[in-house]
Amino acid sequence: MSSLNIKINQKSNIPLYKQIAQSIIVQIDKGQIVKGAILPSINVFSKEFSVARDTVENAYKILKKDGYISSVKSRGYFVNGRKDKRLRVLLVLNKISFFKKIIYYSFLNALKKKAIVDLQIHHYNPVLLKEILEKNLGLYDYFVIMPHFETNIPKEEYIEVLKMVPENELVILDKSVPEIFGSMSVTQDFMYDTYGALASFRNQFEKYSEIILIFPDLSNHPVEIIEGIQLFCKQNKFKLKKRSDSLHLKLVNKQCYIVIEDDDLTTLIKQTRADKLVIGKDIGILSFNETQLKELLDISVISTDFELMGQTAADLILGSQYIHVKNPFNVIKRSSL
């Protein structure tokens, strides 16, 4: 019996010979098959793993073509070793946005030339994430996944998908999944981060008669944000109303608006100017996630540190630190409250 660990999925759309080649490549890249090792002959491999000789031969052709092995007549197939010493990382985001780009480039910069990073998007869909993982398991050293999904999807469904990745290869980003124990993670605590941030603005909220939360129904933002705002308002006896958008919004003096989406923030600012209201005096505005434009407009913001999130994830990978890190949440007080 050989020491090869060949993973074959008969239900996969990937041909068997490619699965075999990739299993061997992964073991070579991870140092599990060392340089100079001899692979089983085609006949021995075929018998041991119950696959056709042609399948093994085609797999070995791929390995020879890519430079992973060499063949010596009458002696066999010898391992040349790993071609590229850099780590291979697959980053899977829920969507592309301004803030996700910050994470992505911070992650790349922190890894420098020590890793090759590929990017894919699952669009809040665990079925699509499953397809991505099925095609790529074994091809990467680490899978960095942002587990934001549509709000109506049962948690058990996406947990099952995440568990397809070996815990020592999985990095959870942005949203915590406590059911995944042994992996790395850099996450926010959406409920209590939001609650704590609002608590720092408590004195500013006192001058407003009610708080209006503009939270899009179909945005797939974490519902824990709403829970944190509700908890804060309940404990501090602030009147809270929720709207799904800013369309046809009639501004009322002494209302404070908490805005999730930048499109709604833009609409809100335009309306204040049309109504000749003074932000920070007649109405209040608090926005999520810092941008340079909000700084220029002097809008108060609560935001996680997206740049640090990407950097920390890279540091965990480079240091092989299997720990869970809470990403810092920042409060930026400006004149809009």
Protein backbone atom coordinates (compact mmCIF):
# COMPACT_ATOMS: atom_id res chain seq x y z
CA MET A 1 0.00 0.00 0.00
CA SER A 2 1.25 3.48 -0.86
CA SER A 3 1.17 6.48 1.47
CA LEU A 4 -0.84 8.54 -1.00
CA ASN A 5 -4.07 10.10 0.24
CA ILE A 6 -6.18 10.22 -2.91
CA LYS A 7 -9.56 11.95 -2.62
CA ILE A 8 -12.04 10.99 -5.31
CA ASN A 9 -15.60 12.26 -5.52
CA GLN A 10 -17.59 10.09 -7.91
CA LYS A 11 -20.46 12.63 -7.93
CA SER A 12 -18.24 15.53 -8.98
CA ASN A 13 -18.32 16.97 -12.49
CA ILE A 14 -14.52 17.08 -12.42
CA PRO A 15 -13.00 14.11 -14.31
CA LEU A 16 -11.35 11.46 -12.13
CA TYR A 17 -7.91 11.93 -13.65
CA LYS A 18 -7.99 15.65 -12.77
CA GLN A 19 -9.12 14.84 -9.21
CA ILE A 20 -6.24 12.39 -8.82
CA ALA A 21 -3.70 14.84 -10.21
CA GLN A 22 -4.96 17.57 -7.92
CA SER A 23 -4.87 15.32 -4.83
CA ILE A 24 -1.22 14.56 -5.54
CA ILE A 25 -0.41 18.23 -6.25
CA VAL A 26 -1.91 19.28 -2.91
CA GLN A 27 0.19 16.69 -1.06
CA ILE A 28 3.34 17.79 -2.87
CA ASP A 29 2.63 21.47 -2.19
CA LYS A 30 2.02 20.79 1.50
CA GLY A 31 5.20 18.72 1.83
CA GLN A 32 3.28 15.51 2.51
CA ILE A 33 4.96 13.99 -0.54
CA VAL A 34 8.59 15.07 -0.49
CA LYS A 35 10.93 15.83 -3.34
CA GLY A 36 12.52 12.63 -4.65
CA ALA A 37 9.67 10.37 -3.57
CA ILE A 38 8.59 7.67 -6.00
CA LEU A 39 4.94 7.46 -7.00
CA PRO A 40 3.29 4.06 -7.53
CA SER A 41 3.44 2.63 -11.04
CA ILE A 42 0.34 3.03 -13.17
CA ASN A 43 -0.60 -0.63 -12.63
CA VAL A 44 -0.12 -0.50 -8.88
CA PHE A 45 -2.03 2.79 -8.59
CA SER A 46 -4.88 1.45 -10.73
CA LYS A 47 -5.25 -1.66 -8.57
CA GLU A 48 -4.88 0.09 -5.20
CA PHE A 49 -7.42 2.83 -5.88
CA SER A 50 -9.74 0.88 -8.19
CA VAL A 51 -9.47 3.22 -11.16
CA ALA A 52 -8.73 2.54 -14.81
CA ARG A 53 -5.13 2.54 -16.04
CA ASP A 54 -5.98 5.26 -18.57
CA THR A 55 -7.24 7.45 -15.71
CA VAL A 56 -3.96 7.10 -13.81
CA GLU A 57 -1.92 7.64 -16.96
CA ASN A 58 -3.80 10.86 -17.75
CA ALA A 59 -3.31 12.08 -14.18
CA TYR A 60 0.43 11.43 -14.38
CA LYS A 61 0.57 13.26 -17.73
CA ILE A 62 -0.84 16.38 -16.04
CA LEU A 63 1.72 16.11 -13.24
CA LYS A 64 4.58 15.74 -15.75
CA LYS A 65 3.30 18.60 -17.91
CA ASP A 66 3.06 20.93 -14.87
CA GLY A 67 6.53 19.92 -13.69
CA TYR A 68 5.52 18.19 -10.46
CA ILE A 69 6.95 14.80 -11.44
CA SER A 70 9.44 13.31 -13.87
CA SER A 71 9.54 9.81 -15.29
CA VAL A 72 12.65 7.71 -15.67
CA LYS A 73 12.38 4.68 -17.92
CA SER A 74 12.39 1.38 -16.02
CA ARG A 75 12.63 3.24 -12.70
CA GLY A 76 9.27 5.01 -12.30
CA TYR A 77 7.80 8.42 -11.50
CA PHE A 78 9.78 10.77 -9.25
CA VAL A 79 8.50 13.85 -7.41
CA ASN A 80 10.23 17.13 -8.32
CA GLY A 81 8.78 19.05 -5.37
CA ARG A 82 6.59 22.10 -5.01
CA LYS A 83 6.84 24.55 -7.89
CA ASP A 84 5.77 27.66 -6.04
CA LYS A 85 6.58 28.13 -2.36
CA ARG A 86 3.93 30.82 -1.90
CA LEU A 87 0.71 30.04 -0.06
CA ARG A 88 -2.44 29.74 -2.14
CA VAL A 89 -5.49 31.50 -0.73
CA LEU A 90 -9.06 31.67 -2.00
CA LEU A 91 -10.95 34.72 -0.74
CA VAL A 92 -14.75 34.33 -1.07
CA LEU A 93 -16.76 37.50 -0.42
CA ASN A 94 -20.53 37.94 -0.32
CA LYS A 95 -20.39 40.89 -2.73
CA ILE A 96 -18.12 43.56 -4.15
CA SER A 97 -18.45 46.97 -2.50
CA PHE A 98 -16.26 49.91 -1.55
CA PHE A 99 -15.66 48.43 1.90
CA LYS A 100 -14.97 44.91 0.59
CA LYS A 101 -12.34 46.40 -1.70
CA ILE A 102 -10.65 47.95 1.35
CA ILE A 103 -10.52 44.51 3.00
CA TYR A 104 -9.27 42.86 -0.20
CA TYR A 105 -6.39 45.27 -0.85
CA SER A 106 -5.41 45.38 2.82
CA PHE A 107 -5.33 41.57 2.82
CA LEU A 108 -3.16 41.50 -0.31
CA ASN A 109 -0.77 44.15 0.99
CA ALA A 110 -0.30 42.35 4.31
CA LEU A 111 0.43 39.02 2.61
CA LYS A 112 2.87 40.78 0.25
CA LYS A 113 4.57 38.21 -1.98
CA LYS A 114 4.07 35.31 0.41
CA ALA A 115 0.75 34.20 -1.09
CA ILE A 116 -1.24 34.00 -4.28
CA VAL A 117 -4.82 35.19 -3.68
CA ASP A 118 -7.79 34.39 -5.90
CA LEU A 119 -11.17 36.08 -5.44
CA GLN A 120 -14.69 34.72 -5.87
CA ILE A 121 -18.16 36.00 -4.91
CA HIS A 122 -21.00 33.89 -3.50
CA HIS A 123 -23.70 36.61 -3.72
CA TYR A 124 -25.27 35.71 -0.34
CA ASN A 125 -26.08 32.24 -1.71
CA PRO A 126 -24.86 29.13 0.20
CA VAL A 127 -25.62 26.94 -2.82
CA LEU A 128 -23.21 28.98 -4.92
CA LEU A 129 -20.65 28.88 -2.09
CA LYS A 130 -20.97 25.10 -2.01
CA GLU A 131 -20.30 24.94 -5.75
CA ILE A 132 -17.24 27.17 -5.34
CA LEU A 133 -15.87 24.96 -2.56
CA GLU A 134 -16.55 21.70 -4.38
CA LYS A 135 -14.50 22.94 -7.33
CA ASN A 136 -11.65 24.30 -5.22
CA LEU A 137 -11.21 22.10 -2.14
CA GLY A 138 -7.68 20.80 -2.21
CA LEU A 139 -6.48 23.53 -4.54
CA TYR A 140 -5.72 26.10 -1.82
CA ASP A 141 -3.92 26.24 1.49
CA TYR A 142 -6.54 28.56 3.01
CA PHE A 143 -10.14 29.53 2.30
CA VAL A 144 -11.09 32.99 3.62
CA ILE A 145 -14.88 33.22 3.61
CA MET A 146 -17.27 36.04 4.46
CA PRO A 147 -20.42 34.18 5.66
CA HIS A 148 -23.12 36.77 4.94
CA PHE A 149 -26.18 35.12 3.42
CA GLU A 150 -29.79 35.99 2.63
CA THR A 151 -31.66 36.58 5.87
CA ASN A 152 -34.27 33.87 5.18
CA ILE A 153 -31.68 31.09 4.85
CA PRO A 154 -31.50 28.77 7.91
CA LYS A 155 -28.20 29.00 9.72
CA GLU A 156 -27.80 25.22 9.66
CA GLU A 157 -27.70 25.29 5.87
CA TYR A 158 -24.67 27.52 5.53
CA ILE A 159 -22.90 26.02 8.55
CA GLU A 160 -23.00 22.66 6.75
CA VAL A 161 -21.40 24.28 3.71
CA LEU A 162 -18.67 25.98 5.76
CA LYS A 163 -17.84 22.66 7.42
CA MET A 164 -16.85 21.31 4.02
CA VAL A 165 -13.56 23.18 4.54
CA PRO A 166 -11.10 21.59 7.00
CA GLU A 167 -10.96 23.85 10.05
CA ASN A 168 -7.19 24.28 9.75
CA GLU A 169 -7.74 25.76 6.25
CA LEU A 170 -10.72 28.01 7.07
CA VAL A 171 -10.67 31.72 7.94
CA ILE A 172 -14.03 33.31 8.83
CA LEU A 173 -14.21 37.01 7.99
CA ASP A 174 -16.50 39.79 9.26
CA LYS A 175 -19.45 37.73 10.60
CA SER A 176 -18.91 35.32 13.46
CA VAL A 177 -20.00 31.69 13.19
CA PRO A 178 -19.52 30.29 16.72
CA GLU A 179 -20.38 26.77 15.57
CA ILE A 180 -17.06 26.65 13.67
CA PHE A 181 -14.56 26.07 16.48
CA GLY A 182 -11.04 25.33 15.28
CA SER A 183 -10.67 27.83 12.47
CA MET A 184 -9.27 31.36 12.35
CA SER A 185 -11.64 34.33 12.37
CA VAL A 186 -11.64 38.13 12.33
CA THR A 187 -15.18 39.33 12.97
CA GLN A 188 -17.51 42.02 14.24
CA ASP A 189 -20.11 41.63 16.96
CA PHE A 190 -22.86 43.44 15.08
CA MET A 191 -25.37 43.64 17.91
CA TYR A 192 -23.14 44.71 20.79
CA ASP A 193 -20.79 46.80 18.65
CA THR A 194 -23.81 48.76 17.45
CA TYR A 195 -25.22 49.03 20.96
CA GLY A 196 -21.92 50.23 22.39
CA ALA A 197 -21.45 52.78 19.61
CA LEU A 198 -24.92 54.25 20.15
CA ALA A 199 -24.28 54.42 23.89
CA SER A 200 -21.34 56.75 23.21
CA PHE A 201 -23.78 59.13 21.44
CA ARG A 202 -26.41 58.99 24.20
CA ASN A 203 -26.12 62.66 25.17
CA GLN A 204 -26.48 63.76 21.54
CA PHE A 205 -29.63 61.65 21.10
CA GLU A 206 -31.26 63.41 24.06
CA LYS A 207 -32.10 66.50 22.00
CA TYR A 208 -34.20 64.54 19.49
CA SER A 209 -37.82 63.44 19.95
CA GLU A 210 -37.42 60.13 18.12
CA ILE A 211 -34.93 58.01 16.21
CA ILE A 212 -35.69 56.84 12.66
CA LEU A 213 -33.76 53.81 11.44
CA ILE A 214 -33.57 53.50 7.64
CA PHE A 215 -32.76 49.83 7.09
CA PRO A 216 -33.45 48.30 3.64
CA ASP A 217 -35.55 45.13 3.84
CA LEU A 218 -33.79 43.31 1.00
CA SER A 219 -30.23 44.39 1.71
CA ASN A 220 -29.14 41.25 3.63
CA HIS A 221 -27.44 43.41 6.25
CA PRO A 222 -27.05 41.54 9.56
CA VAL A 223 -30.30 41.72 11.55
CA GLU A 224 -28.13 41.97 14.67
CA ILE A 225 -27.64 45.64 13.80
CA ILE A 226 -31.38 46.20 14.26
CA GLU A 227 -31.31 44.23 17.51
CA GLY A 228 -28.50 46.40 18.87
CA ILE A 229 -30.38 49.60 18.01
CA GLN A 230 -33.63 48.27 19.50
CA LEU A 231 -31.87 47.28 22.70
CA PHE A 232 -30.25 50.68 23.05
CA CYS A 233 -33.51 52.57 22.46
CA LYS A 234 -35.46 50.34 24.83
CA GLN A 235 -32.98 50.66 27.67
CA ASN A 236 -32.68 54.41 27.24
CA LYS A 237 -36.39 55.04 26.53
CA PHE A 238 -35.83 56.55 23.08
CA LYS A 239 -38.70 56.33 20.63
CA LEU A 240 -37.66 54.25 17.61
CA LYS A 241 -39.26 53.86 14.18
CA LYS A 242 -37.99 51.78 11.26
CA ARG A 243 -38.26 52.55 7.55
CA SER A 244 -37.11 50.36 4.68
CA ASP A 245 -35.96 53.27 2.48
CA SER A 246 -35.71 57.06 2.19
CA LEU A 247 -38.15 57.47 -0.69
CA HIS A 248 -40.92 60.02 -0.08
CA LEU A 249 -39.43 60.67 3.34
CA LYS A 250 -40.96 63.68 5.04
CA LEU A 251 -38.40 65.14 7.42
CA VAL A 252 -39.61 66.24 10.81
CA ASN A 253 -37.83 68.68 13.06
CA LYS A 254 -36.04 67.07 16.03
CA GLN A 255 -35.85 63.62 14.48
CA CYS A 256 -32.57 61.69 14.32
CA TYR A 257 -31.91 59.38 11.37
CA ILE A 258 -29.67 56.31 11.54
CA VAL A 259 -28.74 55.36 7.98
CA ILE A 260 -27.25 52.04 6.78
CA GLU A 261 -26.97 52.59 3.02
CA ASP A 262 -25.07 55.49 1.42
CA ASP A 263 -27.82 55.94 -1.19
CA ASP A 264 -30.29 56.71 1.59
CA LEU A 265 -27.79 59.07 3.17
CA THR A 266 -27.50 60.98 -0.11
CA THR A 267 -31.28 61.24 -0.41
CA LEU A 268 -31.54 62.39 3.19
CA ILE A 269 -28.94 65.14 2.78
CA LYS A 270 -30.60 66.38 -0.42
CA GLN A 271 -33.95 66.53 1.37
CA THR A 272 -32.54 68.51 4.30
CA ARG A 273 -31.20 71.10 1.87
CA ALA A 274 -34.52 71.26 0.00
CA ASP A 275 -36.36 71.74 3.30
CA LYS A 276 -33.73 74.23 4.53
CA LEU A 277 -33.05 72.19 7.67
CA VAL A 278 -29.73 72.31 9.52
CA ILE A 279 -28.11 68.92 10.09
CA GLY A 280 -27.05 68.59 13.71
CA LYS A 281 -29.51 71.22 14.86
CA ASP A 282 -32.92 70.63 13.29
CA ILE A 283 -32.35 66.93 12.54
CA GLY A 284 -29.60 64.46 13.39
CA ILE A 285 -27.83 61.98 11.13
CA LEU A 286 -25.72 58.98 12.06
CA SER A 287 -24.28 56.78 9.30
CA PHE A 288 -22.65 53.34 9.15
CA ASN A 289 -19.18 52.85 7.67
CA GLU A 290 -16.67 55.63 7.22
CA THR A 291 -15.82 57.20 3.85
CA GLN A 292 -13.87 60.33 2.87
CA LEU A 293 -17.10 61.92 1.66
CA LYS A 294 -18.71 61.54 5.09
CA GLU A 295 -15.65 63.16 6.61
CA LEU A 296 -15.98 66.09 4.20
CA LEU A 297 -19.71 66.41 4.94
CA ASP A 298 -19.04 66.17 8.70
CA ILE A 299 -21.35 63.17 9.18
CA SER A 300 -21.06 61.19 12.41
CA VAL A 301 -20.17 57.57 11.75
CA ILE A 302 -19.93 54.21 13.43
CA SER A 303 -17.74 51.74 11.58
CA THR A 304 -15.55 48.71 11.92
CA ASP A 305 -11.92 49.05 10.79
CA PHE A 306 -12.06 47.34 7.39
CA GLU A 307 -8.39 47.87 6.63
CA LEU A 308 -7.34 46.29 9.91
CA MET A 309 -9.70 43.37 9.27
CA GLY A 310 -7.89 42.43 6.07
CA GLN A 311 -4.48 42.93 7.66
CA THR A 312 -5.35 40.81 10.71
CA ALA A 313 -6.66 37.95 8.57
CA ALA A 314 -3.37 37.93 6.65
CA ASP A 315 -1.36 38.01 9.88
CA LEU A 316 -3.26 35.01 11.25
CA ILE A 317 -2.54 33.01 8.09
CA LEU A 318 1.14 33.91 7.99
CA GLY A 319 1.52 33.11 11.68
CA SER A 320 -0.67 29.97 11.59
CA GLN A 321 -2.62 31.40 14.52
CA TYR A 322 -5.86 29.47 14.99
CA ILE A 323 -7.58 32.08 17.11
CA HIS A 324 -10.70 34.26 16.96
CA VAL A 325 -10.10 38.01 16.83
CA LYS A 326 -12.74 40.67 17.38
CA ASN A 327 -12.18 43.51 14.95
CA PRO A 328 -12.21 47.05 16.46
CA PHE A 329 -15.36 49.15 16.06
CA ASN A 330 -14.86 52.89 15.77
CA VAL A 331 -17.05 55.83 16.77
CA ILE A 332 -16.45 59.08 14.86
CA LYS A 333 -18.25 62.06 16.39
CA ARG A 334 -18.97 64.98 14.09
CA SER A 335 -21.46 67.84 13.87
CA SER A 336 -24.33 65.86 12.30
CA LEU A 337 -25.60 64.77 15.72
